[in-house]
Amino acid sequence: MRTEQESAVHGGGEDVPRPPGDPEGGGAVIVRAPTEERNSGTYDIDLLPALDILRQINAEDTTVPAAVGAVLPELARAVELGVAALEGGAAIHYFGAGTSGRIAAQDAAELPPTYGVPAEWVVAHHAGGGEALARAVEGIEDDWESGRIDAAGVSEGSLVVGLAASGRTPYVGGALEAARERGASTVLISANPGASLASAADVHVGVSTGAEVIAGSTRMKAGTAQKLALNAFSTAVMVRMGRTFSNLMVGVDATNGKLRGRVVTILTQATGLGEEACAEALNAAGGDTRVALVSLLADVDAAGAARALGSSKGRVRDALGKLGVPGPVTPE
């Protein structure tokens, strides 16, 4: 029998108790997570000169990439869930609070201009809304129901990625719970391999960053790990969705002079042709980088390139294959 303060998330493991939060009477919530432990290597950091403080911070920061590397198999599973969601016509939703939520909002905001994708592909939800993005709103992350409400628009087949350094944030837990009820896949990215919300997710990317330089300051190593993990996740999803050709961005539309220059450079790098030929192809393609690229590499007009891309879900390599340009294409 569950108490009034408990709710269960079903599937993917044991039931997950809903964290009680901080009662209005002023009770404390004790968070037991590796990120809250005290770092034995920085006991005397407050006695050090600036350079030595920075050296200790930097030394701890260097451990983060390896910690992320240890969970790449789990992150790869998350990528495949993201690709499946987008290919199925659904979306990827990020949910987070504080540092985690701000990292998520930044990642989602940068994808449309970088890869030329609709803003609806990846949507960030921050506990407390836009106001909490610019200024910390304490306590909002402890609202489980707020997470459920914010996830009300998640559709079946979507992917919900919850970000919580401690792995127990109630707002994220509520979002994961509601997402599952709506038939969405779920991922938790945390800095706690033993996260209490792990069983609320189909995939748990638990990065073991350990104790922070300053105890409990999860905007430090834990935040860096989430930034690395989310950058890698979204980039890999975009690559798998065909938004790159080789290691070049090709989803960018040349809508102004700066972007036209960047796209011409991309086209020269991808084809080995001169800037003038690439600029002419870009003009003929109406500023569409992928159409210009396929046109140049397959030696077809812009209309033929556009048709091939249309029948290839916008993937340049698939379009080239349909036009008889086999295998990897590398400029001379």
C-alpha atoms as a PDB file:
ATOM      1  CA  MET A   1       0.000   0.000   0.000  1.00  0.00           C
ATOM      2  CA  ARG A   2       1.439   3.367  -1.007  1.00  0.00           C
ATOM      3  CA  THR A   3       1.255   6.344   1.254  1.00  0.00           C
ATOM      4  CA  GLU A   4      -0.129   9.691   0.132  1.00  0.00           C
ATOM      5  CA  GLN A   5       3.415  10.806  -0.659  1.00  0.00           C
ATOM      6  CA  GLU A   6       4.312   7.839  -2.827  1.00  0.00           C
ATOM      7  CA  SER A   7       3.664   6.911  -6.417  1.00  0.00           C
ATOM      8  CA  ALA A   8       5.168   4.151  -8.515  1.00  0.00           C
ATOM      9  CA  VAL A   9       6.743   4.258 -11.926  1.00  0.00           C
ATOM     10  CA  HIS A  10       6.043   0.936 -13.592  1.00  0.00           C
ATOM     11  CA  GLY A  11       8.247  -0.958 -16.022  1.00  0.00           C
ATOM     12  CA  GLY A  12      11.990  -1.185 -16.335  1.00  0.00           C
ATOM     13  CA  GLY A  13      12.660  -2.379 -12.803  1.00  0.00           C
ATOM     14  CA  GLU A  14      11.415  -1.960  -9.250  1.00  0.00           C
ATOM     15  CA  ASP A  15       8.804   0.600  -8.304  1.00  0.00           C
ATOM     16  CA  VAL A  16      10.300   4.002  -7.668  1.00  0.00           C
ATOM     17  CA  PRO A  17       8.966   5.871  -4.636  1.00  0.00           C
ATOM     18  CA  ARG A  18       7.962   9.422  -5.276  1.00  0.00           C
ATOM     19  CA  PRO A  19      10.321  11.640  -3.226  1.00  0.00           C
ATOM     20  CA  PRO A  20       8.374  13.463  -0.510  1.00  0.00           C
ATOM     21  CA  GLY A  21      10.008  16.846  -1.170  1.00  0.00           C
ATOM     22  CA  ASP A  22      10.547  19.516   1.433  1.00  0.00           C
ATOM     23  CA  PRO A  23       7.383  19.895   3.489  1.00  0.00           C
ATOM     24  CA  GLU A  24       5.991  23.369   3.995  1.00  0.00           C
ATOM     25  CA  GLY A  25       6.861  23.061   7.654  1.00  0.00           C
ATOM     26  CA  GLY A  26      10.550  23.432   6.774  1.00  0.00           C
ATOM     27  CA  GLY A  27      11.726  19.826   6.895  1.00  0.00           C
ATOM     28  CA  ALA A  28      14.978  18.956   5.147  1.00  0.00           C
ATOM     29  CA  VAL A  29      15.464  16.586   2.227  1.00  0.00           C
ATOM     30  CA  ILE A  30      18.729  14.709   2.619  1.00  0.00           C
ATOM     31  CA  VAL A  31      20.136  13.836  -0.806  1.00  0.00           C
ATOM     32  CA  ARG A  32      22.388  10.798  -0.675  1.00  0.00           C
ATOM     33  CA  ALA A  33      24.349  10.734  -3.916  1.00  0.00           C
ATOM     34  CA  PRO A  34      28.024  10.648  -4.930  1.00  0.00           C
ATOM     35  CA  THR A  35      27.751  14.269  -6.026  1.00  0.00           C
ATOM     36  CA  GLU A  36      26.960  15.269  -2.426  1.00  0.00           C
ATOM     37  CA  GLU A  37      29.988  13.575  -0.872  1.00  0.00           C
ATOM     38  CA  ARG A  38      33.024  15.478   0.354  1.00  0.00           C
ATOM     39  CA  ASN A  39      36.136  15.412  -1.819  1.00  0.00           C
ATOM     40  CA  SER A  40      39.113  14.278   0.255  1.00  0.00           C
ATOM     41  CA  GLY A  41      41.539  15.909  -2.178  1.00  0.00           C
ATOM     42  CA  THR A  42      40.328  19.466  -1.691  1.00  0.00           C
ATOM     43  CA  TYR A  43      40.026  19.855   2.076  1.00  0.00           C
ATOM     44  CA  ASP A  44      42.411  22.817   2.090  1.00  0.00           C
ATOM     45  CA  ILE A  45      41.244  24.526  -1.087  1.00  0.00           C
ATOM     46  CA  ASP A  46      40.222  27.607   0.882  1.00  0.00           C
ATOM     47  CA  LEU A  47      43.842  28.083   1.999  1.00  0.00           C
ATOM     48  CA  LEU A  48      45.331  28.070  -1.500  1.00  0.00           C
ATOM     49  CA  PRO A  49      46.306  30.899  -3.858  1.00  0.00           C
ATOM     50  CA  ALA A  50      44.219  31.347  -7.011  1.00  0.00           C
ATOM     51  CA  LEU A  51      46.510  29.361  -9.297  1.00  0.00           C
ATOM     52  CA  ASP A  52      46.502  26.308  -7.032  1.00  0.00           C
ATOM     53  CA  ILE A  53      42.716  26.495  -6.654  1.00  0.00           C
ATOM     54  CA  LEU A  54      42.438  26.431 -10.414  1.00  0.00           C
ATOM     55  CA  ARG A  55      44.876  23.516 -10.638  1.00  0.00           C
ATOM     56  CA  GLN A  56      42.737  21.465  -8.267  1.00  0.00           C
ATOM     57  CA  ILE A  57      39.568  22.292 -10.199  1.00  0.00           C
ATOM     58  CA  ASN A  58      41.264  21.457 -13.481  1.00  0.00           C
ATOM     59  CA  ALA A  59      42.621  18.166 -12.141  1.00  0.00           C
ATOM     60  CA  GLU A  60      39.104  17.111 -11.144  1.00  0.00           C
ATOM     61  CA  ASP A  61      37.682  18.264 -14.490  1.00  0.00           C
ATOM     62  CA  THR A  62      40.086  16.020 -16.402  1.00  0.00           C
ATOM     63  CA  THR A  63      38.395  12.946 -14.909  1.00  0.00           C
ATOM     64  CA  VAL A  64      35.029  13.734 -16.528  1.00  0.00           C
ATOM     65  CA  PRO A  65      35.634  12.618 -20.155  1.00  0.00           C
ATOM     66  CA  ALA A  66      36.722   9.162 -19.008  1.00  0.00           C
ATOM     67  CA  ALA A  67      33.628   8.881 -16.815  1.00  0.00           C
ATOM     68  CA  VAL A  68      31.436   9.737 -19.804  1.00  0.00           C
ATOM     69  CA  GLY A  69      33.399   7.272 -21.931  1.00  0.00           C
ATOM     70  CA  ALA A  70      32.508   4.480 -19.522  1.00  0.00           C
ATOM     71  CA  VAL A  71      28.777   4.872 -20.249  1.00  0.00           C
ATOM     72  CA  LEU A  72      28.926   5.229 -24.045  1.00  0.00           C
ATOM     73  CA  PRO A  73      27.059   1.904 -24.599  1.00  0.00           C
ATOM     74  CA  GLU A  74      24.121   3.269 -22.620  1.00  0.00           C
ATOM     75  CA  LEU A  75      24.362   6.603 -24.426  1.00  0.00           C
ATOM     76  CA  ALA A  76      24.314   4.763 -27.765  1.00  0.00           C
ATOM     77  CA  ARG A  77      21.054   3.069 -26.759  1.00  0.00           C
ATOM     78  CA  ALA A  78      19.641   6.495 -25.954  1.00  0.00           C
ATOM     79  CA  VAL A  79      20.709   7.749 -29.399  1.00  0.00           C
ATOM     80  CA  GLU A  80      18.878   4.908 -31.118  1.00  0.00           C
ATOM     81  CA  LEU A  81      15.737   5.704 -29.130  1.00  0.00           C
ATOM     82  CA  GLY A  82      16.052   9.328 -30.208  1.00  0.00           C
ATOM     83  CA  VAL A  83      16.433   8.382 -33.862  1.00  0.00           C
ATOM     84  CA  ALA A  84      13.424   6.053 -33.631  1.00  0.00           C
ATOM     85  CA  ALA A  85      11.320   8.844 -32.143  1.00  0.00           C
ATOM     86  CA  LEU A  86      12.213  11.324 -34.884  1.00  0.00           C
ATOM     87  CA  GLU A  87      11.871   8.810 -37.702  1.00  0.00           C
ATOM     88  CA  GLY A  88       8.434   7.918 -36.329  1.00  0.00           C
ATOM     89  CA  GLY A  89       7.290  11.532 -36.549  1.00  0.00           C
ATOM     90  CA  ALA A  90       7.495  12.165 -32.801  1.00  0.00           C
ATOM     91  CA  ALA A  91       9.918  14.356 -30.838  1.00  0.00           C
ATOM     92  CA  ILE A  92      12.677  14.323 -28.249  1.00  0.00           C
ATOM     93  CA  HIS A  93      11.893  16.108 -24.989  1.00  0.00           C
ATOM     94  CA  TYR A  94      14.430  17.177 -22.370  1.00  0.00           C
ATOM     95  CA  PHE A  95      13.379  17.683 -18.736  1.00  0.00           C
ATOM     96  CA  GLY A  96      15.650  19.153 -16.089  1.00  0.00           C
ATOM     97  CA  ALA A  97      16.027  21.663 -13.288  1.00  0.00           C
ATOM     98  CA  GLY A  98      18.793  24.101 -12.396  1.00  0.00           C
ATOM     99  CA  THR A  99      22.104  23.446 -14.141  1.00  0.00           C
ATOM    100  CA  SER A 100      20.751  20.312 -15.828  1.00  0.00           C
ATOM    101  CA  GLY A 101      17.765  22.167 -17.214  1.00  0.00           C
ATOM    102  CA  ARG A 102      19.866  25.056 -18.497  1.00  0.00           C
ATOM    103  CA  ILE A 103      22.237  22.683 -20.279  1.00  0.00           C
ATOM    104  CA  ALA A 104      19.218  20.987 -21.867  1.00  0.00           C
ATOM    105  CA  ALA A 105      17.716  24.311 -22.972  1.00  0.00           C
ATOM    106  CA  GLN A 106      20.999  25.369 -24.561  1.00  0.00           C
ATOM    107  CA  ASP A 107      21.359  22.096 -26.439  1.00  0.00           C
ATOM    108  CA  ALA A 108      17.809  22.211 -27.799  1.00  0.00           C
ATOM    109  CA  ALA A 109      18.131  25.859 -28.834  1.00  0.00           C
ATOM    110  CA  GLU A 110      21.338  25.286 -30.800  1.00  0.00           C
ATOM    111  CA  LEU A 111      20.183  22.334 -32.901  1.00  0.00           C
ATOM    112  CA  PRO A 112      17.907  24.158 -35.398  1.00  0.00           C
ATOM    113  CA  PRO A 113      20.528  26.688 -36.574  1.00  0.00           C
ATOM    114  CA  THR A 114      23.308  24.089 -36.527  1.00  0.00           C
ATOM    115  CA  TYR A 115      21.548  21.292 -38.390  1.00  0.00           C
ATOM    116  CA  GLY A 116      18.606  23.013 -40.052  1.00  0.00           C
ATOM    117  CA  VAL A 117      16.014  20.945 -38.175  1.00  0.00           C
ATOM    118  CA  PRO A 118      12.584  22.079 -36.962  1.00  0.00           C
ATOM    119  CA  ALA A 119      12.504  23.402 -33.413  1.00  0.00           C
ATOM    120  CA  GLU A 120       9.808  20.810 -32.693  1.00  0.00           C
ATOM    121  CA  TRP A 121      12.305  17.967 -33.110  1.00  0.00           C
ATOM    122  CA  VAL A 122      13.980  18.602 -29.739  1.00  0.00           C
ATOM    123  CA  VAL A 123      12.113  20.507 -27.024  1.00  0.00           C
ATOM    124  CA  ALA A 124      13.506  21.485 -23.613  1.00  0.00           C
ATOM    125  CA  HIS A 125      11.375  21.780 -20.484  1.00  0.00           C
ATOM    126  CA  HIS A 126      12.884  23.509 -17.446  1.00  0.00           C
ATOM    127  CA  ALA A 127      11.399  23.282 -13.973  1.00  0.00           C
ATOM    128  CA  GLY A 128       9.837  26.659 -13.274  1.00  0.00           C
ATOM    129  CA  GLY A 129       9.737  27.705 -16.921  1.00  0.00           C
ATOM    130  CA  GLY A 130      11.581  30.570 -18.567  1.00  0.00           C
ATOM    131  CA  GLU A 131      11.984  32.602 -15.383  1.00  0.00           C
ATOM    132  CA  ALA A 132      13.972  29.800 -13.759  1.00  0.00           C
ATOM    133  CA  LEU A 133      16.318  29.660 -16.748  1.00  0.00           C
ATOM    134  CA  ALA A 134      17.634  33.151 -16.089  1.00  0.00           C
ATOM    135  CA  ARG A 135      17.478  33.104 -12.309  1.00  0.00           C
ATOM    136  CA  ALA A 136      17.425  30.213  -9.866  1.00  0.00           C
ATOM    137  CA  VAL A 137      13.993  29.487  -8.398  1.00  0.00           C
ATOM    138  CA  GLU A 138      14.629  27.352  -5.360  1.00  0.00           C
ATOM    139  CA  GLY A 139      12.277  24.509  -4.534  1.00  0.00           C
ATOM    140  CA  ILE A 140      10.589  24.171  -7.920  1.00  0.00           C
ATOM    141  CA  GLU A 141      12.624  21.070  -8.724  1.00  0.00           C
ATOM    142  CA  ASP A 142      10.978  19.298  -5.776  1.00  0.00           C
ATOM    143  CA  ASP A 143       7.534  19.410  -7.415  1.00  0.00           C
ATOM    144  CA  TRP A 144       6.739  15.978  -8.857  1.00  0.00           C
ATOM    145  CA  GLU A 145       3.355  17.093 -10.176  1.00  0.00           C
ATOM    146  CA  SER A 146       4.954  19.988 -12.040  1.00  0.00           C
ATOM    147  CA  GLY A 147       7.018  17.480 -14.000  1.00  0.00           C
ATOM    148  CA  ARG A 148       3.886  15.483 -14.813  1.00  0.00           C
ATOM    149  CA  ILE A 149       2.081  18.615 -15.978  1.00  0.00           C
ATOM    150  CA  ASP A 150       4.971  19.743 -18.176  1.00  0.00           C
ATOM    151  CA  ALA A 151       5.044  16.284 -19.789  1.00  0.00           C
ATOM    152  CA  ALA A 152       1.340  16.381 -20.602  1.00  0.00           C
ATOM    153  CA  GLY A 153       2.077  17.271 -24.231  1.00  0.00           C
ATOM    154  CA  VAL A 154       4.430  14.348 -24.817  1.00  0.00           C
ATOM    155  CA  SER A 155       3.015  12.091 -27.511  1.00  0.00           C
ATOM    156  CA  GLU A 156       3.254   8.340 -27.965  1.00  0.00           C
ATOM    157  CA  GLY A 157       6.506   7.324 -29.612  1.00  0.00           C
ATOM    158  CA  SER A 158       8.438  10.320 -28.336  1.00  0.00           C
ATOM    159  CA  LEU A 159      11.632  10.119 -26.312  1.00  0.00           C
ATOM    160  CA  VAL A 160      11.826  11.862 -22.946  1.00  0.00           C
ATOM    161  CA  VAL A 161      15.325  12.512 -21.602  1.00  0.00           C
ATOM    162  CA  GLY A 162      15.423  13.421 -17.934  1.00  0.00           C
ATOM    163  CA  LEU A 163      18.556  15.153 -16.660  1.00  0.00           C
ATOM    164  CA  ALA A 164      19.285  15.082 -12.941  1.00  0.00           C
ATOM    165  CA  ALA A 165      22.751  15.167 -11.413  1.00  0.00           C
ATOM    166  CA  SER A 166      21.563  13.417  -8.252  1.00  0.00           C
ATOM    167  CA  GLY A 167      19.333  11.014 -10.157  1.00  0.00           C
ATOM    168  CA  ARG A 168      16.411  11.726  -7.812  1.00  0.00           C
ATOM    169  CA  THR A 169      15.007  15.149  -8.791  1.00  0.00           C
ATOM    170  CA  PRO A 170      11.216  14.953  -8.267  1.00  0.00           C
ATOM    171  CA  TYR A 171      10.417  17.233 -11.229  1.00  0.00           C
ATOM    172  CA  VAL A 172      12.304  14.861 -13.535  1.00  0.00           C
ATOM    173  CA  GLY A 173      10.705  11.845 -11.885  1.00  0.00           C
ATOM    174  CA  GLY A 174       7.241  13.235 -12.525  1.00  0.00           C
ATOM    175  CA  ALA A 175       8.077  13.860 -16.176  1.00  0.00           C
ATOM    176  CA  LEU A 176       9.439  10.331 -16.638  1.00  0.00           C
ATOM    177  CA  GLU A 177       6.387   8.832 -14.981  1.00  0.00           C
ATOM    178  CA  ALA A 178       3.954  10.799 -17.160  1.00  0.00           C
ATOM    179  CA  ALA A 179       5.985  10.043 -20.286  1.00  0.00           C
ATOM    180  CA  ARG A 180       5.726   6.312 -19.738  1.00  0.00           C
ATOM    181  CA  GLU A 181       1.995   6.586 -19.240  1.00  0.00           C
ATOM    182  CA  ARG A 182       1.794   8.239 -22.662  1.00  0.00           C
ATOM    183  CA  GLY A 183       3.779   5.532 -24.428  1.00  0.00           C
ATOM    184  CA  ALA A 184       7.056   7.439 -24.730  1.00  0.00           C
ATOM    185  CA  SER A 185      10.531   5.966 -24.365  1.00  0.00           C
ATOM    186  CA  THR A 186      12.541   7.305 -21.437  1.00  0.00           C
ATOM    187  CA  VAL A 187      16.181   8.030 -20.665  1.00  0.00           C
ATOM    188  CA  LEU A 188      17.765   9.324 -17.462  1.00  0.00           C
ATOM    189  CA  ILE A 189      21.139  11.079 -17.595  1.00  0.00           C
ATOM    190  CA  SER A 190      22.624  11.461 -14.122  1.00  0.00           C
ATOM    191  CA  ALA A 191      25.894  11.667 -12.238  1.00  0.00           C
ATOM    192  CA  ASN A 192      24.813   8.870  -9.919  1.00  0.00           C
ATOM    193  CA  PRO A 193      25.180   5.236 -11.087  1.00  0.00           C
ATOM    194  CA  GLY A 194      22.840   4.231  -8.248  1.00  0.00           C
ATOM    195  CA  ALA A 195      20.175   6.821  -9.079  1.00  0.00           C
ATOM    196  CA  SER A 196      16.789   6.210  -7.460  1.00  0.00           C
ATOM    197  CA  LEU A 197      15.030   7.195 -10.693  1.00  0.00           C
ATOM    198  CA  ALA A 198      17.001   4.710 -12.805  1.00  0.00           C
ATOM    199  CA  SER A 199      14.129   2.209 -12.865  1.00  0.00           C
ATOM    200  CA  ALA A 200      11.850   4.958 -14.194  1.00  0.00           C
ATOM    201  CA  ALA A 201      13.819   4.974 -17.450  1.00  0.00           C
ATOM    202  CA  ASP A 202      14.352   2.520 -20.266  1.00  0.00           C
ATOM    203  CA  VAL A 203      18.000   3.601 -20.323  1.00  0.00           C
ATOM    204  CA  HIS A 204      20.033   5.075 -17.476  1.00  0.00           C
ATOM    205  CA  VAL A 205      23.204   6.925 -18.437  1.00  0.00           C
ATOM    206  CA  GLY A 206      24.757   7.129 -14.967  1.00  0.00           C
ATOM    207  CA  VAL A 207      28.067   8.952 -15.216  1.00  0.00           C
ATOM    208  CA  SER A 208      30.288   8.316 -12.188  1.00  0.00           C
ATOM    209  CA  THR A 209      31.800  11.766 -11.644  1.00  0.00           C
ATOM    210  CA  GLY A 210      32.173  11.336  -7.882  1.00  0.00           C
ATOM    211  CA  ALA A 211      32.591  14.066  -5.293  1.00  0.00           C
ATOM    212  CA  GLU A 212      32.840  17.650  -6.476  1.00  0.00           C
ATOM    213  CA  VAL A 213      35.702  20.057  -5.759  1.00  0.00           C
ATOM    214  CA  ILE A 214      33.227  21.969  -3.604  1.00  0.00           C
ATOM    215  CA  ALA A 215      30.805  19.570  -1.926  1.00  0.00           C
ATOM    216  CA  GLY A 216      27.401  19.518  -3.557  1.00  0.00           C
ATOM    217  CA  SER A 217      28.229  21.990  -6.326  1.00  0.00           C
ATOM    218  CA  THR A 218      26.754  19.897  -9.115  1.00  0.00           C
ATOM    219  CA  ARG A 219      27.261  22.662 -11.655  1.00  0.00           C
ATOM    220  CA  MET A 220      30.898  21.540 -11.640  1.00  0.00           C
ATOM    221  CA  LYS A 221      31.906  18.001 -12.722  1.00  0.00           C
ATOM    222  CA  ALA A 222      28.343  16.702 -12.793  1.00  0.00           C
ATOM    223  CA  GLY A 223      27.272  19.614 -14.971  1.00  0.00           C
ATOM    224  CA  THR A 224      30.268  19.152 -17.265  1.00  0.00           C
ATOM    225  CA  ALA A 225      29.415  15.461 -17.628  1.00  0.00           C
ATOM    226  CA  GLN A 226      25.827  16.270 -18.550  1.00  0.00           C
ATOM    227  CA  LYS A 227      27.008  18.837 -21.090  1.00  0.00           C
ATOM    228  CA  LEU A 228      29.379  16.291 -22.675  1.00  0.00           C
ATOM    229  CA  ALA A 229      26.773  13.538 -22.657  1.00  0.00           C
ATOM    230  CA  LEU A 230      24.012  15.708 -24.102  1.00  0.00           C
ATOM    231  CA  ASN A 231      26.284  17.237 -26.758  1.00  0.00           C
ATOM    232  CA  ALA A 232      27.332  13.750 -27.825  1.00  0.00           C
ATOM    233  CA  PHE A 233      23.757  12.453 -27.720  1.00  0.00           C
ATOM    234  CA  SER A 234      22.225  15.180 -29.871  1.00  0.00           C
ATOM    235  CA  THR A 235      25.148  15.265 -32.306  1.00  0.00           C
ATOM    236  CA  ALA A 236      24.984  11.499 -32.812  1.00  0.00           C
ATOM    237  CA  VAL A 237      21.216  11.708 -33.332  1.00  0.00           C
ATOM    238  CA  MET A 238      21.695  14.405 -35.982  1.00  0.00           C
ATOM    239  CA  VAL A 239      24.381  12.340 -37.735  1.00  0.00           C
ATOM    240  CA  ARG A 240      22.144   9.247 -37.717  1.00  0.00           C
ATOM    241  CA  MET A 241      19.288  11.371 -39.082  1.00  0.00           C
ATOM    242  CA  GLY A 242      21.427  12.332 -42.068  1.00  0.00           C
ATOM    243  CA  ARG A 243      21.915  15.945 -41.080  1.00  0.00           C
ATOM    244  CA  THR A 244      25.627  15.699 -41.885  1.00  0.00           C
ATOM    245  CA  PHE A 245      27.635  14.530 -44.870  1.00  0.00           C
ATOM    246  CA  SER A 246      30.891  13.027 -43.684  1.00  0.00           C
ATOM    247  CA  ASN A 247      31.804  15.356 -40.806  1.00  0.00           C
ATOM    248  CA  LEU A 248      30.271  18.446 -42.402  1.00  0.00           C
ATOM    249  CA  MET A 249      27.053  20.238 -41.464  1.00  0.00           C
ATOM    250  CA  VAL A 250      24.798  20.138 -44.513  1.00  0.00           C
ATOM    251  CA  GLY A 251      21.434  21.024 -42.996  1.00  0.00           C
ATOM    252  CA  VAL A 252      22.234  24.723 -42.925  1.00  0.00           C
ATOM    253  CA  ASP A 253      20.239  26.908 -45.316  1.00  0.00           C
ATOM    254  CA  ALA A 254      22.160  29.947 -46.630  1.00  0.00           C
ATOM    255  CA  THR A 255      19.774  32.702 -45.523  1.00  0.00           C
ATOM    256  CA  ASN A 256      22.307  35.515 -45.112  1.00  0.00           C
ATOM    257  CA  GLY A 257      25.762  36.537 -46.320  1.00  0.00           C
ATOM    258  CA  LYS A 258      27.651  34.956 -43.438  1.00  0.00           C
ATOM    259  CA  LEU A 259      25.839  31.646 -43.835  1.00  0.00           C
ATOM    260  CA  ARG A 260      26.296  31.709 -47.601  1.00  0.00           C
ATOM    261  CA  GLY A 261      30.031  32.035 -47.096  1.00  0.00           C
ATOM    262  CA  ARG A 262      30.037  29.187 -44.607  1.00  0.00           C
ATOM    263  CA  VAL A 263      28.014  26.960 -46.909  1.00  0.00           C
ATOM    264  CA  VAL A 264      30.274  27.682 -49.877  1.00  0.00           C
ATOM    265  CA  THR A 265      33.218  26.629 -47.719  1.00  0.00           C
ATOM    266  CA  ILE A 266      31.393  23.428 -46.756  1.00  0.00           C
ATOM    267  CA  LEU A 267      30.673  22.677 -50.394  1.00  0.00           C
ATOM    268  CA  THR A 268      34.307  23.200 -51.406  1.00  0.00           C
ATOM    269  CA  GLN A 269      35.436  20.900 -48.586  1.00  0.00           C
ATOM    270  CA  ALA A 270      32.924  18.218 -49.540  1.00  0.00           C
ATOM    271  CA  THR A 271      33.536  18.281 -53.295  1.00  0.00           C
ATOM    272  CA  GLY A 272      37.052  19.597 -53.840  1.00  0.00           C
ATOM    273  CA  LEU A 273      35.618  22.096 -56.342  1.00  0.00           C
ATOM    274  CA  GLY A 274      36.326  25.808 -56.469  1.00  0.00           C
ATOM    275  CA  GLU A 275      34.361  28.488 -54.656  1.00  0.00           C
ATOM    276  CA  GLU A 276      32.831  29.885 -57.841  1.00  0.00           C
ATOM    277  CA  ALA A 277      31.370  26.553 -58.944  1.00  0.00           C
ATOM    278  CA  CYS A 278      30.053  25.909 -55.442  1.00  0.00           C
ATOM    279  CA  ALA A 279      28.488  29.371 -55.205  1.00  0.00           C
ATOM    280  CA  GLU A 280      26.747  28.860 -58.550  1.00  0.00           C
ATOM    281  CA  ALA A 281      25.372  25.492 -57.431  1.00  0.00           C
ATOM    282  CA  LEU A 282      24.166  27.033 -54.184  1.00  0.00           C
ATOM    283  CA  ASN A 283      22.349  29.784 -56.102  1.00  0.00           C
ATOM    284  CA  ALA A 284      20.719  27.215 -58.380  1.00  0.00           C
ATOM    285  CA  ALA A 285      19.637  25.257 -55.274  1.00  0.00           C
ATOM    286  CA  GLY A 286      17.953  28.278 -53.740  1.00  0.00           C
ATOM    287  CA  GLY A 287      20.386  28.254 -50.830  1.00  0.00           C
ATOM    288  CA  ASP A 288      19.716  24.611 -49.898  1.00  0.00           C
ATOM    289  CA  THR A 289      23.078  23.114 -48.955  1.00  0.00           C
ATOM    290  CA  ARG A 290      22.082  19.488 -49.457  1.00  0.00           C
ATOM    291  CA  VAL A 291      20.535  20.101 -52.865  1.00  0.00           C
ATOM    292  CA  ALA A 292      23.673  21.970 -53.977  1.00  0.00           C
ATOM    293  CA  LEU A 293      25.920  19.211 -52.642  1.00  0.00           C
ATOM    294  CA  VAL A 294      24.049  16.374 -54.344  1.00  0.00           C
ATOM    295  CA  SER A 295      23.891  18.414 -57.534  1.00  0.00           C
ATOM    296  CA  LEU A 296      27.661  18.891 -57.542  1.00  0.00           C
ATOM    297  CA  LEU A 297      28.639  15.359 -56.561  1.00  0.00           C
ATOM    298  CA  ALA A 298      26.164  13.573 -58.831  1.00  0.00           C
ATOM    299  CA  ASP A 299      26.426  16.080 -61.689  1.00  0.00           C
ATOM    300  CA  VAL A 300      22.667  16.611 -61.909  1.00  0.00           C
ATOM    301  CA  ASP A 301      20.579  19.777 -61.886  1.00  0.00           C
ATOM    302  CA  ALA A 302      19.042  21.163 -58.711  1.00  0.00           C
ATOM    303  CA  ALA A 303      15.623  19.701 -59.487  1.00  0.00           C
ATOM    304  CA  GLY A 304      17.065  16.203 -59.900  1.00  0.00           C
ATOM    305  CA  ALA A 305      19.048  16.552 -56.690  1.00  0.00           C
ATOM    306  CA  ALA A 306      15.948  17.713 -54.807  1.00  0.00           C
ATOM    307  CA  ARG A 307      13.927  14.741 -56.058  1.00  0.00           C
ATOM    308  CA  ALA A 308      16.636  12.289 -54.971  1.00  0.00           C
ATOM    309  CA  LEU A 309      16.794  13.887 -51.537  1.00  0.00           C
ATOM    310  CA  GLY A 310      13.019  13.842 -51.239  1.00  0.00           C
ATOM    311  CA  SER A 311      12.951  10.096 -51.797  1.00  0.00           C
ATOM    312  CA  SER A 312      15.844   9.601 -49.354  1.00  0.00           C
ATOM    313  CA  LYS A 313      14.408  11.396 -46.300  1.00  0.00           C
ATOM    314  CA  GLY A 314      16.915  14.182 -46.876  1.00  0.00           C
ATOM    315  CA  ARG A 315      19.949  11.942 -46.420  1.00  0.00           C
ATOM    316  CA  VAL A 316      22.729  13.016 -48.781  1.00  0.00           C
ATOM    317  CA  ARG A 317      24.499   9.646 -48.970  1.00  0.00           C
ATOM    318  CA  ASP A 318      21.246   7.820 -49.752  1.00  0.00           C
ATOM    319  CA  ALA A 319      20.379  10.362 -52.431  1.00  0.00           C
ATOM    320  CA  LEU A 320      23.812   9.981 -54.005  1.00  0.00           C
ATOM    321  CA  GLY A 321      23.387   6.206 -54.031  1.00  0.00           C
ATOM    322  CA  LYS A 322      20.116   6.567 -55.928  1.00  0.00           C
ATOM    323  CA  LEU A 323      21.895   8.748 -58.461  1.00  0.00           C
ATOM    324  CA  GLY A 324      24.660   6.212 -59.003  1.00  0.00           C
ATOM    325  CA  VAL A 325      27.389   7.765 -56.856  1.00  0.00           C
ATOM    326  CA  PRO A 326      28.616   4.772 -54.841  1.00  0.00           C
ATOM    327  CA  GLY A 327      30.166   4.563 -51.394  1.00  0.00           C
ATOM    328  CA  PRO A 328      32.054   7.215 -49.459  1.00  0.00           C
ATOM    329  CA  VAL A 329      32.874  10.372 -51.345  1.00  0.00           C
ATOM    330  CA  THR A 330      36.161  12.069 -50.447  1.00  0.00           C
ATOM    331  CA  PRO A 331      37.472  15.175 -52.228  1.00  0.00           C
ATOM    332  CA  GLU A 332      40.746  14.816 -54.095  1.00  0.00           C
END
